[in-house]
Amino acid sequence: MVVQKEFDLTVGLSEDKEAVVSYSDLTPEYSTISLNLVIDRRRYLQALLNKKLLWSAPCWVGVLTISVGYGYFKMADYFRYVPLQELISNNNFRYELISTMILAGMVFSVFFALSALKTEYLRADADKLVDESEKAFGFDLKAYSNLPVNTVDEYKALPKSKKNDKELELLENGKNSQIVIYRETPIAVISLVVDKDPTQTNDSSYIIRIQSFGIRRVYVKSGIMKELLIWALFRTRAIVEDLNASEVLVLCDLYSFEKDVIPAFQELTFKKINSSPLKDWLLGGIYGVTKDTWAIGLLADVQDGSSKEAEPIDSKATDGGLRKRN
């Protein structure tokens, strides 16, 4: 088995390394860091959702309503009978004012605790990926990391006695994942999974799902998400050619609060085709959090230069002979 390259996501990048960005398919030696990037992203979703909940109107309406109501009950008489200039020097008034402020803090803490409980499932789901890596990459990453070499060419060069078709097939899965490396350290990863389109009757329609992605948090605002998506579309072009597919739908599921990456999807003309409120009464009911499916449809040109239209498409073709659906 190959030796895993170890990287710590809590440690900044070494400034001694050259500031060069490079790209690589997923290889067995990068299995651990790739999984860690995805898990870190999933854990970060909890922080994003907590932020949305705590700074939303329902939270502050609740805090202010309870606090102001309590304050009015306790301090209304002071404003009615005590001159304003004497209020601050009134010990009883100051006591009630401090009590109201403490109550406001306690109410906010209750909202914070409730939010943390409601969003804990995001962290739990992220931690499960350690043993369920197929959900993030579409194949068993633990078995992948135990392969004897890093590339298909290296594997083919092995003695026949050390090769088998299953290992080769597993190794080839790395082509559907891309790693961005900066200062010799992986900072982002994206993984695709290919499947037949169940909504189409022909055998040349496929779905390519962006199964997972992960970005070091400090680089999310750098525009790296757009780079990952551009690679995903170019990889889709290659898959279209390999499978001789007539049309491909590229999908990605995102939560409505993932405002840090949604603009990148919109910029590349992904469209939201489905939106489902979370089943939780608080998250989906009161706060309106949804899980959305973003998609872009691609049609492959046939040899005579025409295109097979499953839906209305733009008149302009993208690079590589693909056309984008509206």
Protein backbone atom coordinates (compact mmCIF):
# COMPACT_ATOMS: atom_id res chain seq x y z
CA MET A 1 0.00 0.00 0.00
CA VAL A 2 1.09 3.58 -0.61
CA VAL A 3 2.13 5.91 2.20
CA GLN A 4 -0.50 8.50 3.05
CA LYS A 5 0.58 12.13 2.83
CA GLU A 6 -0.33 13.73 6.12
CA PHE A 7 -1.66 17.29 6.39
CA ASP A 8 -3.23 19.12 9.33
CA LEU A 9 -6.19 21.34 8.47
CA THR A 10 -5.71 23.31 11.69
CA VAL A 11 -2.20 24.39 10.70
CA GLY A 12 -1.56 27.15 8.18
CA LEU A 13 0.35 26.51 4.97
CA SER A 14 4.12 26.70 5.05
CA GLU A 15 5.45 29.96 3.63
CA ASP A 16 8.69 28.16 2.84
CA LYS A 17 6.94 26.33 0.01
CA GLU A 18 6.64 27.97 -3.38
CA ALA A 19 3.31 29.76 -3.88
CA VAL A 20 2.24 27.64 -6.84
CA VAL A 21 -1.20 26.20 -7.54
CA SER A 22 -1.34 22.75 -9.11
CA TYR A 23 -4.05 20.20 -9.80
CA SER A 24 -4.19 16.45 -9.45
CA ASP A 25 -6.62 13.58 -9.83
CA LEU A 26 -7.36 11.84 -6.55
CA THR A 27 -4.62 9.28 -5.87
CA PRO A 28 -4.39 6.79 -3.00
CA GLU A 29 -1.74 8.85 -1.21
CA TYR A 30 -4.19 11.77 -0.96
CA SER A 31 -7.09 9.68 0.36
CA THR A 32 -6.89 10.83 3.98
CA ILE A 33 -6.58 14.55 3.31
CA SER A 34 -9.34 14.43 0.67
CA LEU A 35 -11.73 12.78 3.11
CA ASN A 36 -10.73 15.26 5.83
CA LEU A 37 -11.47 18.20 3.52
CA VAL A 38 -14.95 16.86 2.80
CA ILE A 39 -15.63 16.13 6.48
CA ASP A 40 -14.44 19.60 7.46
CA ARG A 41 -16.80 21.13 4.92
CA ARG A 42 -19.73 19.11 6.26
CA ARG A 43 -18.88 20.14 9.82
CA TYR A 44 -18.65 23.76 8.70
CA LEU A 45 -22.25 23.50 7.53
CA GLN A 46 -23.28 23.31 11.17
CA ALA A 47 -21.51 26.60 11.88
CA LEU A 48 -23.16 28.21 8.84
CA LEU A 49 -26.60 27.03 9.90
CA ASN A 50 -26.10 28.11 13.51
CA LYS A 51 -25.11 31.56 12.26
CA LYS A 52 -28.22 31.74 10.12
CA LEU A 53 -30.47 30.70 13.00
CA LEU A 54 -28.97 33.03 15.60
CA TRP A 55 -28.95 36.11 13.38
CA SER A 56 -32.38 35.57 11.90
CA ALA A 57 -35.59 37.47 12.62
CA PRO A 58 -37.35 34.65 14.56
CA CYS A 59 -34.48 34.43 17.05
CA TRP A 60 -34.25 38.15 17.74
CA VAL A 61 -38.00 38.65 17.77
CA GLY A 62 -38.18 35.97 20.44
CA VAL A 63 -35.31 37.43 22.49
CA LEU A 64 -36.60 41.00 22.27
CA THR A 65 -40.23 40.09 22.92
CA ILE A 66 -39.42 38.19 26.10
CA SER A 67 -36.83 40.72 27.30
CA VAL A 68 -38.90 43.82 26.55
CA GLY A 69 -42.00 42.21 28.04
CA TYR A 70 -40.12 41.35 31.23
CA GLY A 71 -38.51 44.78 31.35
CA TYR A 72 -41.84 46.53 30.91
CA PHE A 73 -43.40 44.46 33.67
CA LYS A 74 -40.54 45.25 36.04
CA MET A 75 -39.67 48.84 35.13
CA ALA A 76 -42.81 50.52 33.78
CA ASP A 77 -43.63 52.11 37.13
CA TYR A 78 -40.17 53.66 37.38
CA PHE A 79 -40.67 55.55 34.11
CA ARG A 80 -44.13 56.58 35.25
CA TYR A 81 -43.28 57.95 38.70
CA VAL A 82 -39.53 58.62 38.78
CA PRO A 83 -37.99 61.54 36.87
CA LEU A 84 -35.66 60.40 34.08
CA GLN A 85 -32.64 62.19 35.57
CA GLU A 86 -33.05 60.19 38.77
CA LEU A 87 -33.45 56.75 37.19
CA ILE A 88 -29.75 55.97 36.80
CA SER A 89 -29.05 56.79 40.42
CA ASN A 90 -31.97 54.66 41.61
CA ASN A 91 -30.55 51.39 42.91
CA ASN A 92 -33.78 49.46 42.44
CA PHE A 93 -34.07 50.59 38.82
CA ARG A 94 -30.48 49.61 38.10
CA TYR A 95 -31.12 46.20 39.65
CA GLU A 96 -34.17 45.63 37.44
CA LEU A 97 -32.29 46.87 34.37
CA ILE A 98 -29.42 44.48 35.00
CA SER A 99 -31.90 41.66 35.64
CA THR A 100 -33.54 42.36 32.29
CA MET A 101 -30.18 42.31 30.51
CA ILE A 102 -29.28 39.03 32.21
CA LEU A 103 -32.63 37.57 31.16
CA ALA A 104 -31.98 38.65 27.56
CA GLY A 105 -28.63 36.85 27.70
CA MET A 106 -30.26 33.75 29.14
CA VAL A 107 -32.97 33.72 26.47
CA PHE A 108 -30.34 34.10 23.76
CA SER A 109 -28.40 31.21 25.33
CA VAL A 110 -31.53 29.06 25.20
CA PHE A 111 -31.93 29.86 21.51
CA PHE A 112 -28.24 29.07 20.96
CA ALA A 113 -28.53 25.73 22.76
CA LEU A 114 -31.69 24.84 20.84
CA SER A 115 -29.98 25.74 17.56
CA ALA A 116 -26.94 23.64 18.43
CA LEU A 117 -29.15 20.66 19.22
CA LYS A 118 -31.11 21.04 16.00
CA THR A 119 -27.98 21.32 13.85
CA GLU A 120 -25.96 18.58 15.53
CA TYR A 121 -27.12 16.12 12.88
CA LEU A 122 -24.87 17.90 10.35
CA ARG A 123 -21.79 17.19 12.43
CA ALA A 124 -22.92 13.62 13.09
CA ASP A 125 -23.43 13.02 9.36
CA ALA A 126 -19.97 14.42 8.67
CA ASP A 127 -18.32 12.15 11.22
CA LYS A 128 -20.04 9.10 9.71
CA LEU A 129 -18.08 9.63 6.50
CA VAL A 130 -15.01 8.13 8.16
CA ASP A 131 -16.69 4.73 7.86
CA GLU A 132 -19.01 5.56 4.97
CA SER A 133 -16.70 7.21 2.46
CA GLU A 134 -18.79 5.83 -0.44
CA LYS A 135 -21.33 8.55 0.34
CA ALA A 136 -18.71 11.21 -0.39
CA PHE A 137 -16.69 9.66 -3.22
CA GLY A 138 -18.85 6.90 -4.66
CA PHE A 139 -16.38 4.16 -3.74
CA ASP A 140 -14.64 2.72 -0.69
CA LEU A 141 -11.89 5.21 0.07
CA LYS A 142 -10.33 2.96 2.70
CA ALA A 143 -9.80 0.20 0.13
CA TYR A 144 -8.61 2.83 -2.33
CA SER A 145 -5.97 4.10 0.10
CA ASN A 146 -4.64 0.53 0.47
CA LEU A 147 -3.84 0.15 -3.23
CA PRO A 148 -0.17 -0.60 -3.96
CA VAL A 149 0.46 2.32 -6.35
CA ASN A 150 -0.88 5.79 -7.09
CA THR A 151 -1.63 5.76 -10.82
CA VAL A 152 -3.12 3.47 -13.44
CA ASP A 153 0.14 3.49 -15.40
CA GLU A 154 2.09 2.37 -12.33
CA TYR A 155 -0.46 -0.36 -11.72
CA LYS A 156 -0.24 -1.67 -15.27
CA ALA A 157 3.53 -1.88 -14.87
CA LEU A 158 3.22 -4.26 -11.92
CA PRO A 159 3.91 -7.97 -12.40
CA LYS A 160 0.82 -9.88 -13.51
CA SER A 161 0.79 -11.85 -10.25
CA LYS A 162 0.22 -8.61 -8.30
CA LYS A 163 -2.67 -7.28 -10.39
CA ASN A 164 -6.40 -7.92 -10.52
CA ASP A 165 -9.25 -6.25 -12.37
CA LYS A 166 -11.05 -5.07 -9.24
CA GLU A 167 -8.04 -3.08 -8.03
CA LEU A 168 -7.58 -1.51 -11.45
CA GLU A 169 -11.24 -0.54 -11.61
CA LEU A 170 -11.01 0.95 -8.12
CA LEU A 171 -7.88 2.91 -9.03
CA GLU A 172 -9.57 4.39 -12.10
CA ASN A 173 -12.20 6.00 -9.85
CA GLY A 174 -9.65 8.65 -8.96
CA LYS A 175 -10.15 10.30 -12.35
CA ASN A 176 -13.55 11.54 -11.22
CA SER A 177 -12.12 13.53 -8.32
CA GLN A 178 -9.93 16.61 -8.50
CA ILE A 179 -7.58 18.04 -5.87
CA VAL A 180 -6.31 21.62 -5.81
CA ILE A 181 -2.83 21.89 -4.31
CA TYR A 182 -1.27 25.14 -3.07
CA ARG A 183 2.17 25.38 -1.50
CA GLU A 184 2.38 21.59 -1.87
CA THR A 185 -0.71 21.18 0.34
CA PRO A 186 -4.19 20.09 -0.82
CA ILE A 187 -6.64 22.91 -0.15
CA ALA A 188 -9.73 21.73 -2.04
CA VAL A 189 -11.29 18.62 -3.52
CA ILE A 190 -14.37 17.77 -5.58
CA SER A 191 -15.74 14.36 -6.46
CA LEU A 192 -18.17 13.23 -9.18
CA VAL A 193 -20.32 10.12 -9.43
CA VAL A 194 -21.75 8.92 -12.75
CA ASP A 195 -25.10 7.15 -13.04
CA LYS A 196 -27.82 6.46 -15.59
CA ASP A 197 -30.62 9.03 -15.74
CA PRO A 198 -33.68 7.22 -14.31
CA THR A 199 -36.04 9.76 -15.88
CA GLN A 200 -34.96 8.94 -19.44
CA THR A 201 -35.80 5.79 -21.41
CA ASN A 202 -32.73 5.80 -23.65
CA ASP A 203 -29.40 4.34 -22.54
CA SER A 204 -27.36 7.38 -23.52
CA SER A 205 -28.66 9.76 -20.85
CA TYR A 206 -26.61 10.06 -17.70
CA ILE A 207 -26.57 11.95 -14.44
CA ILE A 208 -23.29 13.20 -13.06
CA ARG A 209 -23.65 14.15 -9.43
CA ILE A 210 -21.23 16.38 -7.60
CA GLN A 211 -21.16 13.97 -4.70
CA SER A 212 -18.98 16.04 -2.41
CA PHE A 213 -16.53 18.89 -2.21
CA GLY A 214 -14.33 20.38 0.46
CA ILE A 215 -12.35 23.60 0.70
CA ARG A 216 -10.04 24.89 3.39
CA ARG A 217 -12.16 27.54 5.05
CA VAL A 218 -9.69 30.40 4.54
CA TYR A 219 -9.81 29.85 0.78
CA VAL A 220 -13.57 29.68 0.28
CA LYS A 221 -13.74 33.37 -0.68
CA SER A 222 -10.84 33.05 -3.13
CA GLY A 223 -13.05 31.81 -5.95
CA ILE A 224 -11.78 28.26 -5.73
CA MET A 225 -15.33 26.85 -5.81
CA LYS A 226 -15.73 28.20 -9.33
CA GLU A 227 -12.49 26.47 -10.35
CA LEU A 228 -13.76 23.18 -8.96
CA LEU A 229 -17.00 23.53 -10.90
CA ILE A 230 -15.18 24.39 -14.12
CA TRP A 231 -13.13 21.21 -13.72
CA ALA A 232 -16.35 19.27 -13.07
CA LEU A 233 -17.80 20.51 -16.37
CA PHE A 234 -14.63 19.69 -18.30
CA ARG A 235 -14.54 16.25 -16.71
CA THR A 236 -18.17 15.86 -17.75
CA ARG A 237 -17.13 16.53 -21.34
CA ALA A 238 -14.62 13.67 -21.13
CA ILE A 239 -17.22 11.37 -19.60
CA VAL A 240 -19.68 12.24 -22.37
CA GLU A 241 -17.08 11.17 -24.92
CA ASP A 242 -16.13 7.98 -23.06
CA LEU A 243 -19.74 6.87 -22.60
CA ASN A 244 -20.92 8.11 -25.99
CA ALA A 245 -23.69 9.86 -24.08
CA SER A 246 -26.25 12.03 -25.83
CA GLU A 247 -27.05 14.15 -22.80
CA VAL A 248 -25.83 14.59 -19.27
CA LEU A 249 -27.37 16.36 -16.31
CA VAL A 250 -24.87 17.63 -13.73
CA LEU A 251 -26.44 17.86 -10.27
CA CYS A 252 -25.38 19.10 -6.86
CA ASP A 253 -27.37 19.21 -3.63
CA LEU A 254 -26.84 22.30 -1.49
CA TYR A 255 -28.52 23.72 1.58
CA SER A 256 -30.13 27.12 1.17
CA PHE A 257 -27.77 28.61 3.75
CA GLU A 258 -24.59 27.75 1.80
CA LYS A 259 -24.27 31.35 0.65
CA ASP A 260 -20.49 31.03 0.47
CA VAL A 261 -20.60 28.74 -2.59
CA ILE A 262 -24.01 29.25 -4.21
CA PRO A 263 -22.85 32.33 -6.21
CA ALA A 264 -20.25 30.17 -7.97
CA PHE A 265 -22.99 27.81 -9.17
CA GLN A 266 -25.11 30.73 -10.33
CA GLU A 267 -22.20 32.29 -12.18
CA LEU A 268 -21.71 29.09 -14.17
CA THR A 269 -25.45 29.06 -15.01
CA PHE A 270 -26.48 26.21 -12.73
CA LYS A 271 -30.21 26.45 -12.07
CA LYS A 272 -32.13 25.46 -8.96
CA ILE A 273 -34.48 22.73 -10.15
CA ASN A 274 -35.81 21.44 -6.85
CA SER A 275 -36.22 22.77 -3.33
CA SER A 276 -37.38 20.72 -0.34
CA PRO A 277 -37.89 22.18 3.16
CA LEU A 278 -36.18 20.24 5.92
CA LYS A 279 -38.63 18.02 7.77
CA ASP A 280 -37.66 19.43 11.16
CA TRP A 281 -40.41 21.71 12.50
CA LEU A 282 -37.95 24.41 13.55
CA LEU A 283 -35.43 24.34 10.70
CA GLY A 284 -37.83 23.70 7.85
CA GLY A 285 -41.02 25.12 9.34
CA ILE A 286 -40.06 28.32 11.15
CA TYR A 287 -36.70 29.16 9.56
CA GLY A 288 -37.52 27.90 6.09
CA VAL A 289 -34.24 26.04 5.54
CA THR A 290 -34.34 24.01 2.34
CA LYS A 291 -32.19 21.44 0.59
CA ASP A 292 -31.92 22.44 -3.04
CA THR A 293 -30.80 20.65 -6.17
CA TRP A 294 -28.77 22.75 -8.60
CA ALA A 295 -28.32 21.50 -12.14
CA ILE A 296 -26.89 22.23 -15.54
CA GLY A 297 -27.80 20.11 -18.56
CA LEU A 298 -25.32 19.36 -21.32
CA LEU A 299 -26.05 17.94 -24.75
CA ALA A 300 -23.36 16.34 -26.91
CA ASP A 301 -23.15 17.31 -30.57
CA VAL A 302 -23.50 14.48 -33.04
CA GLN A 303 -21.00 13.99 -35.86
CA ASP A 304 -22.87 16.02 -38.46
CA GLY A 305 -22.74 19.06 -36.23
CA SER A 306 -26.36 19.04 -35.16
CA SER A 307 -27.48 18.45 -31.60
CA LYS A 308 -30.00 16.22 -29.93
CA GLU A 309 -32.38 18.46 -28.05
CA ALA A 310 -34.12 17.08 -25.00
CA GLU A 311 -34.93 20.59 -23.81
CA PRO A 312 -34.56 24.10 -25.26
CA ILE A 313 -30.87 24.95 -25.37
CA ASP A 314 -28.72 28.03 -25.78
CA SER A 315 -27.58 28.78 -29.30
CA LYS A 316 -23.99 29.11 -28.15
CA ALA A 317 -21.98 25.96 -27.58
CA THR A 318 -19.48 25.58 -24.78
CA ASP A 319 -15.95 24.30 -25.23
CA GLY A 320 -15.64 20.71 -26.35
CA GLY A 321 -18.81 20.48 -28.40
CA LEU A 322 -21.24 20.58 -25.51
CA ARG A 323 -24.35 22.70 -25.38
CA LYS A 324 -25.86 24.05 -22.21
CA ARG A 325 -29.54 23.60 -21.52
CA ASN A 326 -31.52 26.60 -20.37
